[in-house]
C-alpha atoms as a PDB file:
ATOM      1  CA  MET A   1      92.860  94.861 111.252  1.00  0.00           C
ATOM      2  CA  GLN A   2      92.865  98.456 112.433  1.00  0.00           C
ATOM      3  CA  THR A   3      89.794 100.515 111.730  1.00  0.00           C
ATOM      4  CA  THR A   4      89.057 104.098 112.600  1.00  0.00           C
ATOM      5  CA  ALA A   5      85.362 104.643 113.280  1.00  0.00           C
ATOM      6  CA  THR A   6      84.585 102.133 110.562  1.00  0.00           C
ATOM      7  CA  SER A   7      81.446 100.057 110.656  1.00  0.00           C
ATOM      8  CA  PRO A   8      81.544  96.335 109.894  1.00  0.00           C
ATOM      9  CA  ALA A   9      79.294  97.104 106.895  1.00  0.00           C
ATOM     10  CA  VAL A  10      81.955  99.397 105.375  1.00  0.00           C
ATOM     11  CA  VAL A  11      84.653  96.766 105.943  1.00  0.00           C
ATOM     12  CA  GLU A  12      82.415  94.221 104.206  1.00  0.00           C
ATOM     13  CA  GLU A  13      81.893  96.613 101.268  1.00  0.00           C
ATOM     14  CA  VAL A  14      85.679  97.024 100.990  1.00  0.00           C
ATOM     15  CA  ARG A  15      86.169  93.233 101.112  1.00  0.00           C
ATOM     16  CA  SER A  16      83.569  92.869  98.362  1.00  0.00           C
ATOM     17  CA  LEU A  17      85.362  95.450  96.193  1.00  0.00           C
ATOM     18  CA  LEU A  18      88.719  93.685  96.655  1.00  0.00           C
ATOM     19  CA  ASP A  19      87.069  90.350  95.840  1.00  0.00           C
ATOM     20  CA  GLU A  20      85.677  91.888  92.614  1.00  0.00           C
ATOM     21  CA  LEU A  21      89.155  93.188  91.791  1.00  0.00           C
ATOM     22  CA  SER A  22      90.554  89.675  92.243  1.00  0.00           C
ATOM     23  CA  ASP A  23      87.753  88.091  90.216  1.00  0.00           C
ATOM     24  CA  CYS A  24      88.406  90.397  87.241  1.00  0.00           C
ATOM     25  CA  TRP A  25      92.164  89.794  87.478  1.00  0.00           C
ATOM     26  CA  ASN A  26      91.677  86.034  87.684  1.00  0.00           C
ATOM     27  CA  ARG A  27      89.546  86.138  84.503  1.00  0.00           C
ATOM     28  CA  ALA A  28      92.231  88.298  82.815  1.00  0.00           C
ATOM     29  CA  ASP A  29      89.545  90.942  82.304  1.00  0.00           C
ATOM     30  CA  GLY A  30      91.409  94.248  82.049  1.00  0.00           C
ATOM     31  CA  ALA A  31      88.292  96.238  81.176  1.00  0.00           C
ATOM     32  CA  GLY A  32      86.333  94.743  84.078  1.00  0.00           C
ATOM     33  CA  TYR A  33      89.254  95.370  86.423  1.00  0.00           C
ATOM     34  CA  ALA A  34      89.440  98.997  85.310  1.00  0.00           C
ATOM     35  CA  ARG A  35      85.667  99.513  85.755  1.00  0.00           C
ATOM     36  CA  LEU A  36      86.257  99.315  89.531  1.00  0.00           C
ATOM     37  CA  PHE A  37      88.271 102.553  89.296  1.00  0.00           C
ATOM     38  CA  THR A  38      87.039 106.108  88.814  1.00  0.00           C
ATOM     39  CA  SER A  39      87.424 107.467  85.285  1.00  0.00           C
ATOM     40  CA  ASP A  40      90.308 109.696  86.430  1.00  0.00           C
ATOM     41  CA  ALA A  41      91.958 107.238  88.847  1.00  0.00           C
ATOM     42  CA  ALA A  42      95.689 107.374  89.587  1.00  0.00           C
ATOM     43  CA  TYR A  43      97.285 103.906  89.605  1.00  0.00           C
ATOM     44  CA  VAL A  44     100.901 103.414  90.686  1.00  0.00           C
ATOM     45  CA  GLN A  45     102.211  99.949  89.863  1.00  0.00           C
ATOM     46  CA  PHE A  46     104.710  98.073  92.073  1.00  0.00           C
ATOM     47  CA  ASN A  47     107.551  99.192  89.778  1.00  0.00           C
ATOM     48  CA  GLY A  48     106.622 102.882  90.117  1.00  0.00           C
ATOM     49  CA  VAL A  49     104.952 103.266  86.711  1.00  0.00           C
ATOM     50  CA  MET A  50     101.912 105.530  86.913  1.00  0.00           C
ATOM     51  CA  LEU A  51      98.743 104.913  84.964  1.00  0.00           C
ATOM     52  CA  ASP A  52      96.369 107.840  84.503  1.00  0.00           C
ATOM     53  CA  GLY A  53      92.694 106.995  84.315  1.00  0.00           C
ATOM     54  CA  ARG A  54      90.494 103.998  83.729  1.00  0.00           C
ATOM     55  CA  GLU A  55      91.434 103.657  80.042  1.00  0.00           C
ATOM     56  CA  GLU A  56      95.180 103.391  80.760  1.00  0.00           C
ATOM     57  CA  ILE A  57      94.481 100.960  83.611  1.00  0.00           C
ATOM     58  CA  ALA A  58      92.418  98.760  81.271  1.00  0.00           C
ATOM     59  CA  ASP A  59      94.933  98.920  78.409  1.00  0.00           C
ATOM     60  CA  MET A  60      97.937  98.119  80.605  1.00  0.00           C
ATOM     61  CA  HIS A  61      96.194  95.249  82.361  1.00  0.00           C
ATOM     62  CA  ASP A  62      94.938  93.790  79.080  1.00  0.00           C
ATOM     63  CA  LEU A  63      98.531  93.849  77.816  1.00  0.00           C
ATOM     64  CA  MET A  64      99.963  92.398  81.020  1.00  0.00           C
ATOM     65  CA  PHE A  65      97.319  89.656  81.238  1.00  0.00           C
ATOM     66  CA  ARG A  66      98.398  88.539  77.736  1.00  0.00           C
ATOM     67  CA  THR A  67     102.132  88.750  78.530  1.00  0.00           C
ATOM     68  CA  MET A  68     104.006  89.093  81.846  1.00  0.00           C
ATOM     69  CA  LEU A  69     101.002  88.363  84.079  1.00  0.00           C
ATOM     70  CA  TYR A  70      99.554  85.642  81.852  1.00  0.00           C
ATOM     71  CA  GLY A  71      97.812  82.979  83.933  1.00  0.00           C
ATOM     72  CA  THR A  72      98.302  84.755  87.250  1.00  0.00           C
ATOM     73  CA  ARG A  73      95.721  84.983  89.971  1.00  0.00           C
ATOM     74  CA  LEU A  74      95.363  87.856  92.393  1.00  0.00           C
ATOM     75  CA  LEU A  75      95.058  87.146  96.072  1.00  0.00           C
ATOM     76  CA  CYS A  76      93.913  89.988  98.298  1.00  0.00           C
ATOM     77  CA  GLU A  77      95.281  88.532 101.496  1.00  0.00           C
ATOM     78  CA  GLU A  78      94.399  90.934 104.254  1.00  0.00           C
ATOM     79  CA  ILE A  79      92.697  94.248 104.805  1.00  0.00           C
ATOM     80  CA  GLU A  80      95.096  95.872 107.246  1.00  0.00           C
ATOM     81  CA  SER A  81      93.142  99.054 107.841  1.00  0.00           C
ATOM     82  CA  VAL A  82      90.088 100.967 106.738  1.00  0.00           C
ATOM     83  CA  ARG A  83      89.866 104.626 107.654  1.00  0.00           C
ATOM     84  CA  VAL A  84      86.664 106.397 106.718  1.00  0.00           C
ATOM     85  CA  ILE A  85      87.422 110.075 106.159  1.00  0.00           C
ATOM     86  CA  ASP A  86      83.824 111.070 105.510  1.00  0.00           C
ATOM     87  CA  GLU A  87      80.722 109.400 104.090  1.00  0.00           C
ATOM     88  CA  HIS A  88      82.193 109.576 100.567  1.00  0.00           C
ATOM     89  CA  THR A  89      85.910 108.874 101.158  1.00  0.00           C
ATOM     90  CA  ALA A  90      87.922 106.059 102.714  1.00  0.00           C
ATOM     91  CA  VAL A  91      91.577 105.030 102.862  1.00  0.00           C
ATOM     92  CA  VAL A  92      92.312 101.311 102.734  1.00  0.00           C
ATOM     93  CA  VAL A  93      95.592  99.483 103.252  1.00  0.00           C
ATOM     94  CA  SER A  94      95.713  95.854 102.188  1.00  0.00           C
ATOM     95  CA  THR A  95      98.207  93.166 101.299  1.00  0.00           C
ATOM     96  CA  GLY A  96      98.159  90.695  98.466  1.00  0.00           C
ATOM     97  CA  ALA A  97     100.060  89.120  95.619  1.00  0.00           C
ATOM     98  CA  ALA A  98      99.786  88.039  92.009  1.00  0.00           C
ATOM     99  CA  LEU A  99     100.707  84.367  91.842  1.00  0.00           C
ATOM    100  CA  PHE A 100     101.659  82.288  88.835  1.00  0.00           C
ATOM    101  CA  PRO A 101     100.023  78.879  88.394  1.00  0.00           C
ATOM    102  CA  TRP A 102     103.050  77.039  89.804  1.00  0.00           C
ATOM    103  CA  GLN A 103     102.928  79.148  93.001  1.00  0.00           C
ATOM    104  CA  HIS A 104     100.576  77.865  95.663  1.00  0.00           C
ATOM    105  CA  GLU A 105     101.055  80.391  98.442  1.00  0.00           C
ATOM    106  CA  VAL A 106     102.173  83.954  98.923  1.00  0.00           C
ATOM    107  CA  THR A 107     105.868  84.087  99.746  1.00  0.00           C
ATOM    108  CA  ALA A 108     107.706  87.035 101.256  1.00  0.00           C
ATOM    109  CA  LYS A 109     109.172  87.866  97.799  1.00  0.00           C
ATOM    110  CA  ARG A 110     105.709  88.148  96.216  1.00  0.00           C
ATOM    111  CA  LEU A 111     103.870  90.083  98.939  1.00  0.00           C
ATOM    112  CA  SER A 112     102.775  93.631  98.108  1.00  0.00           C
ATOM    113  CA  ARG A 113     101.007  96.299 100.130  1.00  0.00           C
ATOM    114  CA  GLN A 114      98.410  98.516  98.521  1.00  0.00           C
ATOM    115  CA  THR A 115      97.029 101.858  99.620  1.00  0.00           C
ATOM    116  CA  LEU A 116      93.675 102.661  98.044  1.00  0.00           C
ATOM    117  CA  ILE A 117      91.703 105.877  98.201  1.00  0.00           C
ATOM    118  CA  LEU A 118      88.046 104.999  97.757  1.00  0.00           C
ATOM    119  CA  VAL A 119      85.235 107.361  96.859  1.00  0.00           C
ATOM    120  CA  ARG A 120      81.544 106.589  96.945  1.00  0.00           C
ATOM    121  CA  GLU A 121      79.956 107.018  93.511  1.00  0.00           C
ATOM    122  CA  GLY A 122      76.462 105.907  92.640  1.00  0.00           C
ATOM    123  CA  GLY A 123      76.040 104.168  95.987  1.00  0.00           C
ATOM    124  CA  ARG A 124      79.196 102.043  95.773  1.00  0.00           C
ATOM    125  CA  TRP A 125      82.884 102.386  96.507  1.00  0.00           C
ATOM    126  CA  MET A 126      85.160 103.097  93.547  1.00  0.00           C
ATOM    127  CA  ILE A 127      88.958 103.253  93.582  1.00  0.00           C
ATOM    128  CA  ALA A 128      90.203 106.799  92.955  1.00  0.00           C
ATOM    129  CA  SER A 129      93.846 106.105  93.734  1.00  0.00           C
ATOM    130  CA  PHE A 130      95.900 102.918  94.036  1.00  0.00           C
ATOM    131  CA  GLN A 131      99.531 102.631  95.150  1.00  0.00           C
ATOM    132  CA  ASN A 132     101.133  99.187  95.037  1.00  0.00           C
ATOM    133  CA  SER A 133     104.514  98.510  96.662  1.00  0.00           C
ATOM    134  CA  ARG A 134     106.446  95.336  97.260  1.00  0.00           C
ATOM    135  CA  VAL A 135     106.944  94.548 100.931  1.00  0.00           C
ATOM    136  CA  LYS A 136     110.677  94.546 101.461  1.00  0.00           C
ATOM    137  CA  PRO A 137     111.349  95.135 105.123  1.00  0.00           C
ATOM    138  CA  PHE A 138     114.450  97.156 105.795  1.00  0.00           C
ATOM    139  CA  PRO A 139     116.707  95.587 108.429  1.00  0.00           C
ATOM    140  CA  THR A 140     117.137  97.723 111.537  1.00  0.00           C
ATOM    141  CA  SER A 141     119.668  95.575 113.384  1.00  0.00           C
ATOM    142  CA  GLY A 142     122.332  92.956 112.861  1.00  0.00           C
ATOM    143  CA  PRO A 143     125.740  92.947 111.167  1.00  0.00           C
ATOM    144  CA  LEU A 144     124.505  93.886 107.673  1.00  0.00           C
ATOM    145  CA  PHE A 145     122.615  96.854 109.098  1.00  0.00           C
ATOM    146  CA  ALA A 146     125.706  97.966 111.018  1.00  0.00           C
ATOM    147  CA  VAL A 147     127.957  97.806 107.930  1.00  0.00           C
ATOM    148  CA  ALA A 148     125.410  99.559 105.701  1.00  0.00           C
ATOM    149  CA  SER A 149     124.853 102.278 108.320  1.00  0.00           C
ATOM    150  CA  LYS A 150     128.586 102.897 108.621  1.00  0.00           C
ATOM    151  CA  ALA A 151     128.972 103.083 104.822  1.00  0.00           C
ATOM    152  CA  VAL A 152     126.131 105.624 104.554  1.00  0.00           C
ATOM    153  CA  ARG A 153     127.582 107.721 107.369  1.00  0.00           C
ATOM    154  CA  LEU A 154     131.037 107.742 105.724  1.00  0.00           C
ATOM    155  CA  ARG A 155     129.613 108.839 102.351  1.00  0.00           C
ATOM    156  CA  VAL A 156     127.426 111.535 103.867  1.00  0.00           C
ATOM    157  CA  ASP A 157     130.299 112.894 105.975  1.00  0.00           C
ATOM    158  CA  ARG A 158     132.568 112.946 102.895  1.00  0.00           C
ATOM    159  CA  ALA A 159     129.932 114.799 100.854  1.00  0.00           C
ATOM    160  CA  LEU A 160     129.388 117.341 103.629  1.00  0.00           C
ATOM    161  CA  ARG A 161     133.138 117.963 103.977  1.00  0.00           C
ATOM    162  CA  SER A 162     133.375 118.403 100.201  1.00  0.00           C
ATOM    163  CA  ARG A 163     130.581 121.022 100.260  1.00  0.00           C
ATOM    164  CA  GLN A 164     132.220 122.891 103.115  1.00  0.00           C
ATOM    165  CA  ALA A 165     135.557 122.984 101.235  1.00  0.00           C
ATOM    166  CA  ARG A 166     133.975 124.817  98.267  1.00  0.00           C
END
C-alpha cells in the first residue's frame, strides 16, 4: 500500500469504514450502506451510472439487493493508497468485488477498483465521492495489441485525410 504522509491510525479508520461498507452490503442494508456517504455524495457505479446523494444511493442499493445483487457479499480486498489532503479530506484507492454465493474468491473478471473522496464529518470519515470501475487491463504488447494498434492508426489516418480533403 502506498500512503502519502498518512498515519497508521488514518489507514485503520479507512479500513474500518470499508469494513462497515461491506457489513451493510452483506446484510443487504441499502439505507445503512448509504448512511456511510455524505448527504450530497456523488456515486458512480461500475457501469457509469451516477447516483446523486445519499437517498439515491440507498434507493438504488435497496433495489439491487432485492434483484441483480441479491445474495451477494462485498469484499474490500485491498487498500492500495490513502492520501490525506488535509485534516478533513482524504483520497483512497481500493480494490474489491461483489461475489455471488457460488463464487468463493475474487476472479480477474469480478475485480473492481474504487476511488473514494473522504471528508471528516462529526469526527468520522464519510464518503463524499465514490467511483467504481472494473479492472480490465489494456494489453500493451503481443500480437493482439499490434493488430489493434495498426487498425486504430489506419482509421485515424483515414479520418485525418478526409478532414484535409474538405
